[in-house]
Amino acid sequence: MSTLSVPLSTDLRARIKYYVSQGDAPNEAALARKAIQKYLEEKAVEDVLNAQKEPSLCGNLDDLAQKL
């Protein structure tokens, strides 16, 4: 496992410590990993939804070329 060093504002650090103290995660690193994982999952869903909006290229190639 590798380590990532991230500068945090005083406010952000305090909020992280608060949520750890509330039991949302066992420590600050676990909370950060949880947040990163959630971001990556949301990004993957966003990518799928955006891909579904893209036009389909099904059909006769000559007909499709005429539409361009």
PDB file of N, CA and C in Angstrom:
ATOM      1  N   MET A   1       0.851  -1.167   0.000  1.00  0.00           N
ATOM      2  CA  MET A   1       0.000   0.000   0.000  1.00  0.00           C
ATOM      3  C   MET A   1       0.897   1.230   0.000  1.00  0.00           C
ATOM      4  N   SER A   2       0.531   2.228  -0.801  1.00  0.00           N
ATOM      5  CA  SER A   2       1.322   3.459  -0.837  1.00  0.00           C
ATOM      6  C   SER A   2       0.661   4.534   0.013  1.00  0.00           C
ATOM      7  N   THR A   3       1.407   5.594   0.258  1.00  0.00           N
ATOM      8  CA  THR A   3       0.934   6.691   1.093  1.00  0.00           C
ATOM      9  C   THR A   3       0.774   7.945   0.254  1.00  0.00           C
ATOM     10  N   LEU A   4      -0.283   8.705   0.554  1.00  0.00           N
ATOM     11  CA  LEU A   4      -0.556   9.960  -0.136  1.00  0.00           C
ATOM     12  C   LEU A   4      -0.591  11.059   0.914  1.00  0.00           C
ATOM     13  N   SER A   5       0.218  12.079   0.719  1.00  0.00           N
ATOM     14  CA  SER A   5       0.251  13.201   1.650  1.00  0.00           C
ATOM     15  C   SER A   5      -0.573  14.337   1.056  1.00  0.00           C
ATOM     16  N   VAL A   6      -1.585  14.799   1.792  1.00  0.00           N
ATOM     17  CA  VAL A   6      -2.494  15.822   1.286  1.00  0.00           C
ATOM     18  C   VAL A   6      -2.586  16.967   2.294  1.00  0.00           C
ATOM     19  N   PRO A   7      -2.208  18.177   1.879  1.00  0.00           N
ATOM     20  CA  PRO A   7      -2.389  19.319   2.780  1.00  0.00           C
ATOM     21  C   PRO A   7      -3.874  19.595   2.984  1.00  0.00           C
ATOM     22  N   LEU A   8      -4.277  19.846   4.229  1.00  0.00           N
ATOM     23  CA  LEU A   8      -5.679  20.114   4.560  1.00  0.00           C
ATOM     24  C   LEU A   8      -5.794  21.443   5.300  1.00  0.00           C
ATOM     25  N   SER A   9      -6.888  22.132   5.046  1.00  0.00           N
ATOM     26  CA  SER A   9      -7.160  23.354   5.803  1.00  0.00           C
ATOM     27  C   SER A   9      -7.467  22.969   7.250  1.00  0.00           C
ATOM     28  N   THR A  10      -7.349  23.926   8.137  1.00  0.00           N
ATOM     29  CA  THR A  10      -7.644  23.689   9.549  1.00  0.00           C
ATOM     30  C   THR A  10      -9.088  23.249   9.722  1.00  0.00           C
ATOM     31  N   ASP A  11      -9.988  23.883   8.983  1.00  0.00           N
ATOM     32  CA  ASP A  11     -11.412  23.544   9.078  1.00  0.00           C
ATOM     33  C   ASP A  11     -11.672  22.114   8.614  1.00  0.00           C
ATOM     34  N   LEU A  12     -11.100  21.739   7.489  1.00  0.00           N
ATOM     35  CA  LEU A  12     -11.313  20.386   6.966  1.00  0.00           C
ATOM     36  C   LEU A  12     -10.752  19.344   7.922  1.00  0.00           C
ATOM     37  N   ARG A  13      -9.592  19.604   8.466  1.00  0.00           N
ATOM     38  CA  ARG A  13      -8.978  18.672   9.419  1.00  0.00           C
ATOM     39  C   ARG A  13      -9.855  18.518  10.660  1.00  0.00           C
ATOM     40  N   ALA A  14     -10.407  19.635  11.142  1.00  0.00           N
ATOM     41  CA  ALA A  14     -11.280  19.586  12.319  1.00  0.00           C
ATOM     42  C   ALA A  14     -12.541  18.783  12.029  1.00  0.00           C
ATOM     43  N   ARG A  15     -13.093  18.951  10.841  1.00  0.00           N
ATOM     44  CA  ARG A  15     -14.296  18.198  10.480  1.00  0.00           C
ATOM     45  C   ARG A  15     -14.009  16.706  10.384  1.00  0.00           C
ATOM     46  N   ILE A  16     -12.849  16.360   9.844  1.00  0.00           N
ATOM     47  CA  ILE A  16     -12.461  14.947   9.762  1.00  0.00           C
ATOM     48  C   ILE A  16     -12.340  14.366  11.169  1.00  0.00           C
ATOM     49  N   LYS A  17     -11.660  15.094  12.044  1.00  0.00           N
ATOM     50  CA  LYS A  17     -11.499  14.618  13.420  1.00  0.00           C
ATOM     51  C   LYS A  17     -12.855  14.454  14.100  1.00  0.00           C
ATOM     52  N   TYR A  18     -13.782  15.365  13.831  1.00  0.00           N
ATOM     53  CA  TYR A  18     -15.123  15.280  14.416  1.00  0.00           C
ATOM     54  C   TYR A  18     -15.809  13.980  14.003  1.00  0.00           C
ATOM     55  N   TYR A  19     -15.792  13.677  12.694  1.00  0.00           N
ATOM     56  CA  TYR A  19     -16.478  12.472  12.222  1.00  0.00           C
ATOM     57  C   TYR A  19     -15.806  11.197  12.721  1.00  0.00           C
ATOM     58  N   VAL A  20     -14.507  11.232  12.885  1.00  0.00           N
ATOM     59  CA  VAL A  20     -13.816  10.076  13.475  1.00  0.00           C
ATOM     60  C   VAL A  20     -14.254   9.924  14.930  1.00  0.00           C
ATOM     61  N   SER A  21     -14.360  11.039  15.649  1.00  0.00           N
ATOM     62  CA  SER A  21     -14.784  10.969  17.054  1.00  0.00           C
ATOM     63  C   SER A  21     -16.232  10.497  17.195  1.00  0.00           C
ATOM     64  N   GLN A  22     -17.039  10.704  16.150  1.00  0.00           N
ATOM     65  CA  GLN A  22     -18.434  10.253  16.159  1.00  0.00           C
ATOM     66  C   GLN A  22     -18.557   8.780  15.772  1.00  0.00           C
ATOM     67  N   GLY A  23     -17.442   8.163  15.394  1.00  0.00           N
ATOM     68  CA  GLY A  23     -17.444   6.742  15.074  1.00  0.00           C
ATOM     69  C   GLY A  23     -17.708   6.416  13.614  1.00  0.00           C
ATOM     70  N   ASP A  24     -17.671   7.429  12.729  1.00  0.00           N
ATOM     71  CA  ASP A  24     -17.886   7.168  11.305  1.00  0.00           C
ATOM     72  C   ASP A  24     -16.742   6.369  10.683  1.00  0.00           C
ATOM     73  N   ALA A  25     -15.581   6.426  11.299  1.00  0.00           N
ATOM     74  CA  ALA A  25     -14.420   5.662  10.843  1.00  0.00           C
ATOM     75  C   ALA A  25     -13.495   5.476  12.043  1.00  0.00           C
ATOM     76  N   PRO A  26     -12.668   4.429  12.024  1.00  0.00           N
ATOM     77  CA  PRO A  26     -11.791   4.190  13.180  1.00  0.00           C
ATOM     78  C   PRO A  26     -10.652   5.211  13.308  1.00  0.00           C
ATOM     79  N   ASN A  27     -10.287   5.843  12.190  1.00  0.00           N
ATOM     80  CA  ASN A  27      -9.220   6.842  12.225  1.00  0.00           C
ATOM     81  C   ASN A  27      -9.322   7.746  10.992  1.00  0.00           C
ATOM     82  N   GLU A  28      -8.490   8.767  10.958  1.00  0.00           N
ATOM     83  CA  GLU A  28      -8.542   9.747   9.870  1.00  0.00           C
ATOM     84  C   GLU A  28      -8.216   9.123   8.516  1.00  0.00           C
ATOM     85  N   ALA A  29      -7.257   8.239   8.482  1.00  0.00           N
ATOM     86  CA  ALA A  29      -6.873   7.605   7.219  1.00  0.00           C
ATOM     87  C   ALA A  29      -8.026   6.768   6.656  1.00  0.00           C
ATOM     88  N   ALA A  30      -8.716   6.054   7.530  1.00  0.00           N
ATOM     89  CA  ALA A  30      -9.848   5.239   7.078  1.00  0.00           C
ATOM     90  C   ALA A  30     -10.965   6.120   6.527  1.00  0.00           C
ATOM     91  N   LEU A  31     -11.197   7.262   7.173  1.00  0.00           N
ATOM     92  CA  LEU A  31     -12.217   8.186   6.686  1.00  0.00           C
ATOM     93  C   LEU A  31     -11.823   8.746   5.316  1.00  0.00           C
ATOM     94  N   ALA A  32     -10.554   9.085   5.148  1.00  0.00           N
ATOM     95  CA  ALA A  32     -10.080   9.591   3.860  1.00  0.00           C
ATOM     96  C   ALA A  32     -10.228   8.522   2.771  1.00  0.00           C
ATOM     97  N   ARG A  33      -9.871   7.276   3.075  1.00  0.00           N
ATOM     98  CA  ARG A  33     -10.032   6.190   2.100  1.00  0.00           C
ATOM     99  C   ARG A  33     -11.499   5.996   1.741  1.00  0.00           C
ATOM    100  N   LYS A  34     -12.364   6.082   2.748  1.00  0.00           N
ATOM    101  CA  LYS A  34     -13.804   5.944   2.531  1.00  0.00           C
ATOM    102  C   LYS A  34     -14.316   7.051   1.594  1.00  0.00           C
ATOM    103  N   ALA A  35     -13.864   8.272   1.817  1.00  0.00           N
ATOM    104  CA  ALA A  35     -14.277   9.409   0.985  1.00  0.00           C
ATOM    105  C   ALA A  35     -13.774   9.261  -0.444  1.00  0.00           C
ATOM    106  N   ILE A  36     -12.547   8.817  -0.610  1.00  0.00           N
ATOM    107  CA  ILE A  36     -11.989   8.622  -1.947  1.00  0.00           C
ATOM    108  C   ILE A  36     -12.740   7.523  -2.680  1.00  0.00           C
ATOM    109  N   GLN A  37     -13.026   6.427  -1.983  1.00  0.00           N
ATOM    110  CA  GLN A  37     -13.766   5.318  -2.604  1.00  0.00           C
ATOM    111  C   GLN A  37     -15.148   5.773  -3.053  1.00  0.00           C
ATOM    112  N   LYS A  38     -15.835   6.541  -2.213  1.00  0.00           N
ATOM    113  CA  LYS A  38     -17.164   7.047  -2.562  1.00  0.00           C
ATOM    114  C   LYS A  38     -17.077   7.948  -3.791  1.00  0.00           C
ATOM    115  N   TYR A  39     -16.076   8.813  -3.851  1.00  0.00           N
ATOM    116  CA  TYR A  39     -15.883   9.681  -5.010  1.00  0.00           C
ATOM    117  C   TYR A  39     -15.683   8.853  -6.278  1.00  0.00           C
ATOM    118  N   LEU A  40     -14.844   7.840  -6.197  1.00  0.00           N
ATOM    119  CA  LEU A  40     -14.558   7.006  -7.369  1.00  0.00           C
ATOM    120  C   LEU A  40     -15.799   6.248  -7.832  1.00  0.00           C
ATOM    121  N   GLU A  41     -16.604   5.765  -6.897  1.00  0.00           N
ATOM    122  CA  GLU A  41     -17.849   5.073  -7.257  1.00  0.00           C
ATOM    123  C   GLU A  41     -18.822   6.037  -7.943  1.00  0.00           C
ATOM    124  N   GLU A  42     -18.965   7.250  -7.391  1.00  0.00           N
ATOM    125  CA  GLU A  42     -19.857   8.247  -7.992  1.00  0.00           C
ATOM    126  C   GLU A  42     -19.372   8.634  -9.390  1.00  0.00           C
ATOM    127  N   LYS A  43     -18.069   8.747  -9.556  1.00  0.00           N
ATOM    128  CA  LYS A  43     -17.489   9.096 -10.856  1.00  0.00           C
ATOM    129  C   LYS A  43     -17.754   7.987 -11.871  1.00  0.00           C
ATOM    130  N   ALA A  44     -17.659   6.733 -11.454  1.00  0.00           N
ATOM    131  CA  ALA A  44     -17.926   5.605 -12.355  1.00  0.00           C
ATOM    132  C   ALA A  44     -19.383   5.616 -12.813  1.00  0.00           C
ATOM    133  N   VAL A  45     -20.300   5.892 -11.894  1.00  0.00           N
ATOM    134  CA  VAL A  45     -21.721   5.971 -12.257  1.00  0.00           C
ATOM    135  C   VAL A  45     -21.944   7.126 -13.222  1.00  0.00           C
ATOM    136  N   GLU A  46     -21.333   8.261 -12.951  1.00  0.00           N
ATOM    137  CA  GLU A  46     -21.442   9.425 -13.833  1.00  0.00           C
ATOM    138  C   GLU A  46     -20.930   9.101 -15.238  1.00  0.00           C
ATOM    139  N   ASP A  47     -19.824   8.383 -15.327  1.00  0.00           N
ATOM    140  CA  ASP A  47     -19.263   8.001 -16.628  1.00  0.00           C
ATOM    141  C   ASP A  47     -20.222   7.100 -17.408  1.00  0.00           C
ATOM    142  N   VAL A  48     -20.863   6.163 -16.718  1.00  0.00           N
ATOM    143  CA  VAL A  48     -21.819   5.271 -17.376  1.00  0.00           C
ATOM    144  C   VAL A  48     -23.019   6.067 -17.880  1.00  0.00           C
ATOM    145  N   LEU A  49     -23.536   6.960 -17.039  1.00  0.00           N
ATOM    146  CA  LEU A  49     -24.692   7.761 -17.436  1.00  0.00           C
ATOM    147  C   LEU A  49     -24.359   8.661 -18.620  1.00  0.00           C
ATOM    148  N   ASN A  50     -23.168   9.232 -18.638  1.00  0.00           N
ATOM    149  CA  ASN A  50     -22.747  10.066 -19.769  1.00  0.00           C
ATOM    150  C   ASN A  50     -22.590   9.234 -21.036  1.00  0.00           C
ATOM    151  N   ALA A  51     -22.093   8.020 -20.905  1.00  0.00           N
ATOM    152  CA  ALA A  51     -21.925   7.148 -22.068  1.00  0.00           C
ATOM    153  C   ALA A  51     -23.274   6.768 -22.662  1.00  0.00           C
ATOM    154  N   GLN A  52     -24.281   6.620 -21.815  1.00  0.00           N
ATOM    155  CA  GLN A  52     -25.617   6.271 -22.307  1.00  0.00           C
ATOM    156  C   GLN A  52     -26.230   7.404 -23.119  1.00  0.00           C
ATOM    157  N   LYS A  53     -25.795   8.635 -22.894  1.00  0.00           N
ATOM    158  CA  LYS A  53     -26.325   9.794 -23.608  1.00  0.00           C
ATOM    159  C   LYS A  53     -25.697   9.956 -24.991  1.00  0.00           C
ATOM    160  N   GLU A  54     -24.582   9.289 -25.231  1.00  0.00           N
ATOM    161  CA  GLU A  54     -23.890   9.437 -26.505  1.00  0.00           C
ATOM    162  C   GLU A  54     -24.692   8.794 -27.629  1.00  0.00           C
ATOM    163  N   PRO A  55     -24.602   9.364 -28.832  1.00  0.00           N
ATOM    164  CA  PRO A  55     -25.376   8.820 -29.946  1.00  0.00           C
ATOM    165  C   PRO A  55     -24.923   7.415 -30.324  1.00  0.00           C
ATOM    166  N   SER A  56     -25.866   6.646 -30.798  1.00  0.00           N
ATOM    167  CA  SER A  56     -25.585   5.281 -31.225  1.00  0.00           C
ATOM    168  C   SER A  56     -25.235   5.283 -32.709  1.00  0.00           C
ATOM    169  N   LEU A  57     -24.324   4.441 -33.105  1.00  0.00           N
ATOM    170  CA  LEU A  57     -23.933   4.335 -34.511  1.00  0.00           C
ATOM    171  C   LEU A  57     -24.401   3.012 -35.091  1.00  0.00           C
ATOM    172  N   CYS A  58     -25.627   2.651 -34.819  1.00  0.00           N
ATOM    173  CA  CYS A  58     -26.196   1.425 -35.346  1.00  0.00           C
ATOM    174  C   CYS A  58     -26.926   1.745 -36.646  1.00  0.00           C
ATOM    175  N   GLY A  59     -26.778   0.867 -37.605  1.00  0.00           N
ATOM    176  CA  GLY A  59     -27.505   1.048 -38.850  1.00  0.00           C
ATOM    177  C   GLY A  59     -26.587   0.992 -40.046  1.00  0.00           C
ATOM    178  N   ASN A  60     -27.122   1.358 -41.169  1.00  0.00           N
ATOM    179  CA  ASN A  60     -26.399   1.360 -42.432  1.00  0.00           C
ATOM    180  C   ASN A  60     -25.372   2.487 -42.430  1.00  0.00           C
ATOM    181  N   LEU A  61     -24.113   2.141 -42.721  1.00  0.00           N
ATOM    182  CA  LEU A  61     -23.047   3.140 -42.685  1.00  0.00           C
ATOM    183  C   LEU A  61     -23.255   4.257 -43.700  1.00  0.00           C
ATOM    184  N   ASP A  62     -23.793   3.945 -44.866  1.00  0.00           N
ATOM    185  CA  ASP A  62     -24.041   4.985 -45.869  1.00  0.00           C
ATOM    186  C   ASP A  62     -25.076   5.983 -45.367  1.00  0.00           C
ATOM    187  N   ASP A  63     -26.130   5.474 -44.735  1.00  0.00           N
ATOM    188  CA  ASP A  63     -27.167   6.359 -44.174  1.00  0.00           C
ATOM    189  C   ASP A  63     -26.597   7.220 -43.049  1.00  0.00           C
ATOM    190  N   LEU A  64     -25.772   6.624 -42.205  1.00  0.00           N
ATOM    191  CA  LEU A  64     -25.164   7.349 -41.114  1.00  0.00           C
ATOM    192  C   LEU A  64     -24.224   8.438 -41.642  1.00  0.00           C
ATOM    193  N   ALA A  65     -23.463   8.137 -42.674  1.00  0.00           N
ATOM    194  CA  ALA A  65     -22.525   9.094 -43.255  1.00  0.00           C
ATOM    195  C   ALA A  65     -23.274  10.286 -43.854  1.00  0.00           C
ATOM    196  N   GLN A  66     -24.427  10.064 -44.429  1.00  0.00           N
ATOM    197  CA  GLN A  66     -25.206  11.153 -45.015  1.00  0.00           C
ATOM    198  C   GLN A  66     -25.711  12.114 -43.947  1.00  0.00           C
ATOM    199  N   LYS A  67     -25.912  11.628 -42.737  1.00  0.00           N
ATOM    200  CA  LYS A  67     -26.409  12.465 -41.653  1.00  0.00           C
ATOM    201  C   LYS A  67     -25.317  13.410 -41.117  1.00  0.00           C
ATOM    202  N   LEU A  68     -24.065  13.099 -41.432  1.00  0.00           N
ATOM    203  CA  LEU A  68     -22.964  13.939 -40.926  1.00  0.00           C
ATOM    204  C   LEU A  68     -22.857  15.223 -41.649  1.00  0.00           C
TER     205      LEU A  68
END
